[in-house]
Amino acid sequence: MVTAQPSSAHAAAPATCMNGLKDSRGRSSVDGGEIAWEDATRFDGARRHAQKAWTRSGLDRVKFPADDATRYADLEWSDVNTSRPPWKNILGLWKGLQGTDRLRLNKAYLGPGKQYGDTRSRQTIAAHELGHALGFCHKNPSSYSSLMAPHIYDMSSDGTPTSRDRRNYHALWG
């Protein structure tokens, strides 16, 4: 939820989260080394950016194929359009579910003309939420720069994993 040098998988333990847990394969949408996705969002450009952000420059352990007749969807991308509770000030949200997990982007904040309705903000939120689908938790922005900070104003401005996020990726996925 939201209000880039690799290391060996054996060299580092999963990173600690703000809530005291650790990054976890068990709290991810990854199944068999991939996150098969389905459906569309009004912000498909942001979805494509997020998938590229988490697969370039050595981040290649997890693949993101579209759902098809040979696989089950692991992640459904969709939109919501509300600023009412529980969505007040929520730009995007990944939710692990039994079966297909869900990633929603909130048009009430990310839509054209809205406070975060620019391409860069949409890309950042989509990449952050896809980070949750990869098993990453919120990181404390006072500890280090991370795409996985809990608030958009603390995230990397280009919507891509920082060097520390990349180390965390390799610690979790190899």
Protein backbone atom coordinates (compact mmCIF):
# COMPACT_ATOMS: atom_id res chain seq x y z
CA MET A 1 0.00 0.00 0.00
CA VAL A 2 1.23 3.50 -0.72
CA THR A 3 0.16 6.66 1.15
CA ALA A 4 19.16 -0.21 -8.13
CA GLN A 5 24.53 -3.69 -7.20
CA PRO A 6 23.26 -7.23 -6.94
CA SER A 7 24.62 -9.57 -4.29
CA SER A 8 24.53 -13.32 -4.00
CA ALA A 9 21.40 -14.92 -2.60
CA HIS A 10 23.58 -16.64 -0.03
CA ALA A 11 25.29 -13.44 1.07
CA ALA A 12 22.32 -11.65 2.59
CA ALA A 13 19.22 -12.48 4.56
CA PRO A 14 15.86 -11.03 3.55
CA ALA A 15 15.50 -7.37 4.49
CA THR A 16 13.61 -6.28 7.57
CA CYS A 17 10.28 -4.51 7.18
CA MET A 18 8.97 -1.54 9.10
CA ASN A 19 6.56 -3.85 10.94
CA GLY A 20 9.38 -6.16 12.11
CA LEU A 21 8.67 -8.92 9.58
CA LYS A 22 11.05 -9.70 6.71
CA ASP A 23 10.69 -9.74 2.93
CA SER A 24 9.10 -13.07 2.15
CA ARG A 25 8.54 -15.39 -0.79
CA GLY A 26 5.56 -16.69 1.17
CA ARG A 27 3.90 -13.26 1.09
CA SER A 28 4.24 -12.83 -2.67
CA SER A 29 2.26 -13.50 -5.84
CA VAL A 30 5.17 -15.48 -7.33
CA ASP A 31 4.29 -19.01 -8.39
CA GLY A 32 6.85 -21.19 -10.15
CA GLY A 33 9.24 -18.28 -10.76
CA GLU A 34 6.64 -16.07 -12.38
CA ILE A 35 3.73 -13.78 -11.74
CA ALA A 36 1.20 -14.49 -14.47
CA TRP A 37 -1.07 -11.47 -14.66
CA GLU A 38 -4.49 -10.83 -16.07
CA ASP A 39 -6.89 -8.05 -16.84
CA ALA A 40 -6.15 -4.48 -17.59
CA THR A 41 -6.01 -1.23 -15.74
CA ARG A 42 -6.64 2.22 -17.11
CA PHE A 43 -2.95 2.66 -16.32
CA ASP A 44 -1.50 -0.16 -18.43
CA GLY A 45 1.50 2.06 -19.27
CA ALA A 46 2.30 2.17 -15.55
CA ARG A 47 1.86 -1.63 -15.33
CA ARG A 48 4.30 -2.12 -18.22
CA HIS A 49 6.77 0.27 -16.54
CA ALA A 50 6.51 -1.64 -13.25
CA GLN A 51 7.18 -4.98 -14.93
CA LYS A 52 10.20 -3.55 -16.76
CA ALA A 53 11.49 -1.89 -13.58
CA TRP A 54 11.53 -5.26 -11.75
CA THR A 55 13.07 -7.24 -14.67
CA ARG A 56 15.92 -5.10 -16.06
CA SER A 57 19.62 -5.00 -15.24
CA GLY A 58 19.94 -8.38 -13.58
CA LEU A 59 16.54 -8.54 -11.90
CA ASP A 60 15.58 -11.55 -13.96
CA ARG A 61 14.62 -14.35 -11.58
CA VAL A 62 10.90 -13.63 -11.66
CA LYS A 63 9.09 -13.38 -15.00
CA PHE A 64 5.84 -11.54 -15.72
CA PRO A 65 3.93 -13.33 -18.51
CA ALA A 66 0.36 -12.44 -19.35
CA ASP A 67 -2.18 -15.05 -18.31
CA ASP A 68 -3.09 -17.45 -21.11
CA ALA A 69 -4.67 -20.86 -21.63
CA THR A 70 -1.57 -22.65 -20.29
CA ARG A 71 -1.35 -20.96 -16.88
CA TYR A 72 -3.45 -19.64 -14.02
CA ALA A 73 -3.35 -15.96 -13.19
CA ASP A 74 -1.33 -15.16 -10.07
CA LEU A 75 -2.16 -11.44 -10.09
CA GLU A 76 -5.13 -9.45 -11.29
CA TRP A 77 -4.53 -5.77 -12.12
CA SER A 78 -7.57 -3.53 -11.76
CA ASP A 79 -8.70 -0.05 -10.82
CA VAL A 80 -10.76 1.47 -8.06
CA ASN A 81 -12.10 5.01 -8.05
CA THR A 82 -12.83 6.22 -4.54
CA SER A 83 -11.45 8.46 -1.82
CA ARG A 84 -13.81 7.10 0.84
CA PRO A 85 -12.55 4.87 3.65
CA PRO A 86 -10.83 2.47 3.49
CA TRP A 87 -9.38 4.04 0.30
CA LYS A 88 -8.89 7.57 1.69
CA ASN A 89 -5.33 8.65 0.70
CA ILE A 90 -4.56 5.18 -0.74
CA LEU A 91 -3.00 5.45 -4.20
CA GLY A 92 -2.58 1.73 -4.82
CA LEU A 93 -2.86 -1.56 -2.99
CA TRP A 94 -1.60 -5.13 -3.43
CA LYS A 95 -3.55 -7.77 -1.58
CA GLY A 96 -2.56 -11.40 -1.29
CA LEU A 97 -5.63 -13.63 -1.53
CA GLN A 98 -6.47 -17.31 -1.74
CA GLY A 99 -6.04 -17.97 -5.46
CA THR A 100 -5.41 -14.90 -7.60
CA ASP A 101 -3.91 -11.91 -5.77
CA ARG A 102 -5.13 -8.40 -6.57
CA LEU A 103 -3.29 -5.16 -7.38
CA ARG A 104 -5.45 -2.07 -7.59
CA LEU A 105 -4.58 1.45 -8.68
CA ASN A 106 -6.83 4.25 -7.44
CA LYS A 107 -8.13 6.56 -10.17
CA ALA A 108 -9.40 8.99 -7.53
CA TYR A 109 -5.76 10.02 -6.96
CA LEU A 110 -3.96 8.76 -10.09
CA GLY A 111 -6.49 9.84 -12.71
CA PRO A 112 -5.91 12.71 -15.16
CA GLY A 113 -5.95 16.07 -13.42
CA LYS A 114 -5.65 14.50 -9.96
CA GLN A 115 -2.86 15.26 -7.45
CA TYR A 116 -0.84 12.19 -8.54
CA GLY A 117 -2.27 12.00 -12.06
CA ASP A 118 1.09 12.38 -13.82
CA THR A 119 2.88 9.52 -15.58
CA ARG A 120 5.81 9.46 -13.13
CA SER A 121 3.57 9.09 -10.08
CA ARG A 122 1.51 6.34 -11.70
CA GLN A 123 4.67 4.44 -12.68
CA THR A 124 6.10 4.80 -9.18
CA ILE A 125 2.93 3.52 -7.51
CA ALA A 126 2.57 0.59 -9.92
CA ALA A 127 6.24 -0.42 -9.40
CA HIS A 128 5.89 -0.08 -5.62
CA GLU A 129 2.78 -2.27 -5.54
CA LEU A 130 4.39 -4.84 -7.85
CA GLY A 131 7.24 -4.87 -5.32
CA HIS A 132 4.71 -6.07 -2.74
CA ALA A 133 3.59 -8.78 -5.19
CA LEU A 134 7.27 -9.85 -5.30
CA GLY A 135 7.23 -10.25 -1.52
CA PHE A 136 8.76 -6.94 -0.45
CA CYS A 137 7.47 -5.01 2.53
CA HIS A 138 7.63 -1.34 3.45
CA LYS A 139 11.14 -0.08 4.26
CA ASN A 140 11.94 2.72 6.67
CA PRO A 141 12.91 5.77 4.58
CA SER A 142 15.15 7.07 7.38
CA SER A 143 17.26 3.89 7.08
CA TYR A 144 17.83 3.96 3.30
CA SER A 145 16.29 5.07 0.03
CA SER A 146 13.80 2.53 -1.33
CA LEU A 147 11.02 2.20 -3.84
CA MET A 148 9.35 0.28 -1.02
CA ALA A 149 9.02 3.30 1.32
CA PRO A 150 5.44 3.62 2.58
CA HIS A 151 4.77 7.10 1.15
CA ILE A 152 5.21 8.31 -2.43
CA TYR A 153 7.22 11.37 -1.33
CA ASP A 154 9.86 9.04 0.21
CA MET A 155 10.23 6.80 -2.88
CA SER A 156 12.82 7.03 -5.64
CA SER A 157 11.55 9.67 -8.05
CA ASP A 158 12.06 7.61 -11.21
CA GLY A 159 9.83 4.72 -10.12
CA THR A 160 12.58 2.10 -10.26
CA PRO A 161 14.22 -0.06 -7.60
CA THR A 162 17.13 1.61 -5.82
CA SER A 163 20.50 -0.14 -5.36
CA ARG A 164 19.30 -1.33 -1.95
CA ASP A 165 16.03 -2.63 -3.45
CA ARG A 166 18.14 -4.54 -5.98
CA ARG A 167 20.20 -6.12 -3.18
CA ASN A 168 16.97 -7.02 -1.39
CA TYR A 169 15.67 -8.61 -4.60
CA HIS A 170 18.78 -10.77 -4.93
CA ALA A 171 18.64 -11.72 -1.25
CA LEU A 172 15.08 -12.95 -1.73
CA TRP A 173 15.10 -14.32 -5.28
CA GLY A 174 18.79 -15.03 -6.02
